[in-house]
Amino acid sequence: MSATRTLRLHVDPDKCQGHSRCKTIAPDLFVLDAFGNAQAAGDGLVPPDLTEKARLARANCPEYAIRLTSEPTP
């Protein structure tokens, strides 16, 4: 039996240029600062029903600032 995995997203603040595509694609997963730069909402855990949106947001980031990691579910 394989363990259940959870996705967590991370935004590299040094790479993010504030294009805000991620927020448009997955508004529940990102928050923007006053300059439009993104960071992960909450603790960055991606609910299972938003997995595809998280991947789409990562794929649409022109600066490659979004990283997704897989973690064992506690």
N, C-alpha and C. Protein backbone atom coordinates (compact mmCIF):
# COMPACT_ATOMS: atom_id res chain seq x y z
N MET A 1 0.84 -1.18 0.00
CA MET A 1 0.00 0.00 0.00
C MET A 1 0.89 1.24 0.00
N SER A 2 0.65 2.17 -0.93
CA SER A 2 1.47 3.36 -1.00
C SER A 2 0.94 4.44 -0.05
N ALA A 3 1.85 5.23 0.47
CA ALA A 3 1.47 6.31 1.38
C ALA A 3 0.83 7.45 0.61
N THR A 4 -0.09 8.12 1.25
CA THR A 4 -0.73 9.28 0.63
C THR A 4 0.24 10.45 0.69
N ARG A 5 0.29 11.22 -0.39
CA ARG A 5 1.19 12.36 -0.48
C ARG A 5 0.38 13.66 -0.56
N THR A 6 0.95 14.70 -0.05
CA THR A 6 0.34 16.03 -0.08
C THR A 6 1.28 16.97 -0.80
N LEU A 7 0.71 17.87 -1.60
CA LEU A 7 1.52 18.88 -2.27
C LEU A 7 1.61 20.14 -1.42
N ARG A 8 2.77 20.76 -1.45
CA ARG A 8 2.97 22.05 -0.81
C ARG A 8 3.61 22.96 -1.85
N LEU A 9 3.12 24.18 -1.93
CA LEU A 9 3.72 25.10 -2.89
C LEU A 9 4.56 26.14 -2.19
N HIS A 10 5.57 26.57 -2.91
CA HIS A 10 6.52 27.56 -2.43
C HIS A 10 6.72 28.59 -3.54
N VAL A 11 6.81 29.86 -3.17
CA VAL A 11 7.09 30.91 -4.14
C VAL A 11 8.43 31.53 -3.75
N ASP A 12 9.35 31.56 -4.70
CA ASP A 12 10.67 32.16 -4.46
C ASP A 12 10.52 33.68 -4.59
N PRO A 13 10.65 34.41 -3.48
CA PRO A 13 10.45 35.87 -3.53
C PRO A 13 11.51 36.59 -4.36
N ASP A 14 12.66 35.96 -4.56
CA ASP A 14 13.70 36.58 -5.38
C ASP A 14 13.41 36.46 -6.87
N LYS A 15 12.59 35.49 -7.25
CA LYS A 15 12.25 35.29 -8.66
C LYS A 15 10.93 35.95 -9.05
N CYS A 16 9.97 36.02 -8.13
CA CYS A 16 8.64 36.55 -8.44
C CYS A 16 8.75 38.01 -8.86
N GLN A 17 8.14 38.32 -10.01
CA GLN A 17 8.16 39.68 -10.54
C GLN A 17 6.78 40.33 -10.52
N GLY A 18 5.80 39.68 -9.91
CA GLY A 18 4.48 40.28 -9.75
C GLY A 18 3.59 40.22 -10.96
N HIS A 19 3.76 39.22 -11.81
CA HIS A 19 2.87 39.08 -12.97
C HIS A 19 1.46 38.69 -12.54
N SER A 20 1.33 38.04 -11.40
CA SER A 20 0.06 37.65 -10.78
C SER A 20 -0.74 36.61 -11.56
N ARG A 21 -0.12 35.92 -12.48
CA ARG A 21 -0.83 34.86 -13.22
C ARG A 21 -1.28 33.77 -12.27
N CYS A 22 -0.45 33.45 -11.29
CA CYS A 22 -0.78 32.39 -10.33
C CYS A 22 -2.06 32.72 -9.57
N LYS A 23 -2.18 33.95 -9.14
CA LYS A 23 -3.36 34.39 -8.38
C LYS A 23 -4.61 34.33 -9.25
N THR A 24 -4.46 34.64 -10.53
CA THR A 24 -5.59 34.57 -11.46
C THR A 24 -6.03 33.13 -11.66
N ILE A 25 -5.07 32.23 -11.78
CA ILE A 25 -5.37 30.82 -12.04
C ILE A 25 -5.86 30.10 -10.79
N ALA A 26 -5.24 30.37 -9.65
CA ALA A 26 -5.56 29.66 -8.41
C ALA A 26 -5.66 30.65 -7.25
N PRO A 27 -6.71 31.46 -7.21
CA PRO A 27 -6.80 32.52 -6.20
C PRO A 27 -6.78 32.03 -4.75
N ASP A 28 -7.21 30.80 -4.51
CA ASP A 28 -7.23 30.28 -3.15
C ASP A 28 -5.85 29.84 -2.66
N LEU A 29 -4.90 29.73 -3.57
CA LEU A 29 -3.58 29.22 -3.20
C LEU A 29 -2.52 30.29 -3.02
N PHE A 30 -2.82 31.53 -3.43
CA PHE A 30 -1.81 32.59 -3.40
C PHE A 30 -2.37 33.87 -2.78
N VAL A 31 -1.50 34.63 -2.16
CA VAL A 31 -1.80 35.98 -1.71
C VAL A 31 -0.77 36.90 -2.33
N LEU A 32 -1.17 38.14 -2.57
CA LEU A 32 -0.28 39.12 -3.19
C LEU A 32 0.05 40.22 -2.20
N ASP A 33 1.28 40.71 -2.26
CA ASP A 33 1.64 41.85 -1.43
C ASP A 33 1.25 43.14 -2.15
N ALA A 34 1.62 44.27 -1.60
CA ALA A 34 1.25 45.57 -2.16
C ALA A 34 1.82 45.81 -3.55
N PHE A 35 2.86 45.06 -3.92
CA PHE A 35 3.50 45.22 -5.22
C PHE A 35 3.03 44.16 -6.22
N GLY A 36 2.14 43.27 -5.79
CA GLY A 36 1.64 42.21 -6.66
C GLY A 36 2.48 40.95 -6.63
N ASN A 37 3.49 40.91 -5.78
CA ASN A 37 4.31 39.70 -5.67
C ASN A 37 3.57 38.65 -4.86
N ALA A 38 3.66 37.42 -5.31
CA ALA A 38 2.91 36.34 -4.70
C ALA A 38 3.67 35.62 -3.60
N GLN A 39 2.90 35.02 -2.73
CA GLN A 39 3.42 34.05 -1.77
C GLN A 39 2.32 33.03 -1.54
N ALA A 40 2.70 31.90 -1.01
CA ALA A 40 1.72 30.84 -0.76
C ALA A 40 0.74 31.29 0.30
N ALA A 41 -0.53 30.98 0.09
CA ALA A 41 -1.54 31.27 1.09
C ALA A 41 -1.39 30.28 2.24
N GLY A 42 -1.54 30.76 3.45
CA GLY A 42 -1.45 29.89 4.62
C GLY A 42 -0.11 29.21 4.72
N ASP A 43 -0.16 27.90 4.94
CA ASP A 43 1.08 27.13 5.08
C ASP A 43 1.55 26.52 3.78
N GLY A 44 0.85 26.84 2.67
CA GLY A 44 1.27 26.35 1.37
C GLY A 44 0.74 24.99 0.99
N LEU A 45 0.02 24.33 1.89
CA LEU A 45 -0.54 23.02 1.55
C LEU A 45 -1.61 23.17 0.49
N VAL A 46 -1.57 22.30 -0.49
CA VAL A 46 -2.51 22.34 -1.61
C VAL A 46 -3.60 21.30 -1.35
N PRO A 47 -4.86 21.74 -1.21
CA PRO A 47 -5.94 20.77 -1.05
C PRO A 47 -6.02 19.88 -2.30
N PRO A 48 -6.39 18.61 -2.12
CA PRO A 48 -6.43 17.69 -3.26
C PRO A 48 -7.25 18.20 -4.45
N ASP A 49 -8.33 18.92 -4.19
CA ASP A 49 -9.16 19.41 -5.29
C ASP A 49 -8.54 20.59 -6.03
N LEU A 50 -7.44 21.13 -5.53
CA LEU A 50 -6.76 22.25 -6.20
C LEU A 50 -5.40 21.86 -6.78
N THR A 51 -5.11 20.57 -6.80
CA THR A 51 -3.83 20.08 -7.31
C THR A 51 -3.58 20.52 -8.75
N GLU A 52 -4.56 20.34 -9.60
CA GLU A 52 -4.38 20.70 -11.01
C GLU A 52 -4.19 22.20 -11.17
N LYS A 53 -4.91 23.00 -10.39
CA LYS A 53 -4.73 24.46 -10.47
C LYS A 53 -3.34 24.87 -10.00
N ALA A 54 -2.83 24.19 -8.98
CA ALA A 54 -1.47 24.49 -8.50
C ALA A 54 -0.45 24.19 -9.60
N ARG A 55 -0.62 23.07 -10.27
CA ARG A 55 0.30 22.72 -11.36
C ARG A 55 0.18 23.68 -12.53
N LEU A 56 -1.03 24.10 -12.83
CA LEU A 56 -1.24 25.06 -13.91
C LEU A 56 -0.62 26.42 -13.57
N ALA A 57 -0.76 26.83 -12.32
CA ALA A 57 -0.15 28.10 -11.89
C ALA A 57 1.37 28.03 -12.02
N ARG A 58 1.95 26.90 -11.59
CA ARG A 58 3.41 26.73 -11.72
C ARG A 58 3.83 26.79 -13.19
N ALA A 59 3.09 26.11 -14.05
CA ALA A 59 3.43 26.07 -15.47
C ALA A 59 3.30 27.43 -16.14
N ASN A 60 2.46 28.31 -15.60
CA ASN A 60 2.23 29.62 -16.21
C ASN A 60 3.06 30.74 -15.62
N CYS A 61 3.92 30.43 -14.67
CA CYS A 61 4.77 31.47 -14.07
C CYS A 61 5.94 31.75 -15.01
N PRO A 62 6.00 32.97 -15.57
CA PRO A 62 7.07 33.27 -16.52
C PRO A 62 8.45 33.34 -15.87
N GLU A 63 8.50 33.48 -14.57
CA GLU A 63 9.78 33.58 -13.86
C GLU A 63 10.20 32.27 -13.20
N TYR A 64 9.37 31.22 -13.34
CA TYR A 64 9.64 29.92 -12.70
C TYR A 64 9.86 30.08 -11.19
N ALA A 65 9.02 30.92 -10.58
CA ALA A 65 9.16 31.21 -9.16
C ALA A 65 8.39 30.24 -8.27
N ILE A 66 7.52 29.41 -8.86
CA ILE A 66 6.69 28.50 -8.08
C ILE A 66 7.27 27.10 -8.11
N ARG A 67 7.38 26.50 -6.94
CA ARG A 67 7.87 25.14 -6.80
C ARG A 67 6.84 24.35 -6.03
N LEU A 68 6.59 23.13 -6.45
CA LEU A 68 5.70 22.22 -5.74
C LEU A 68 6.52 21.07 -5.19
N THR A 69 6.29 20.74 -3.93
CA THR A 69 6.96 19.59 -3.33
C THR A 69 5.91 18.61 -2.84
N SER A 70 6.29 17.36 -2.83
CA SER A 70 5.39 16.30 -2.39
C SER A 70 5.86 15.83 -1.01
N GLU A 71 4.92 15.78 -0.08
CA GLU A 71 5.25 15.38 1.29
C GLU A 71 4.32 14.25 1.72
N PRO A 72 4.79 13.38 2.60
CA PRO A 72 3.90 12.35 3.13
C PRO A 72 2.79 13.01 3.94
N THR A 73 1.59 12.52 3.78
CA THR A 73 0.47 13.03 4.57
C THR A 73 0.58 12.46 5.99
N PRO A 74 0.50 13.33 6.99
CA PRO A 74 0.62 12.85 8.38
C PRO A 74 -0.52 11.92 8.76
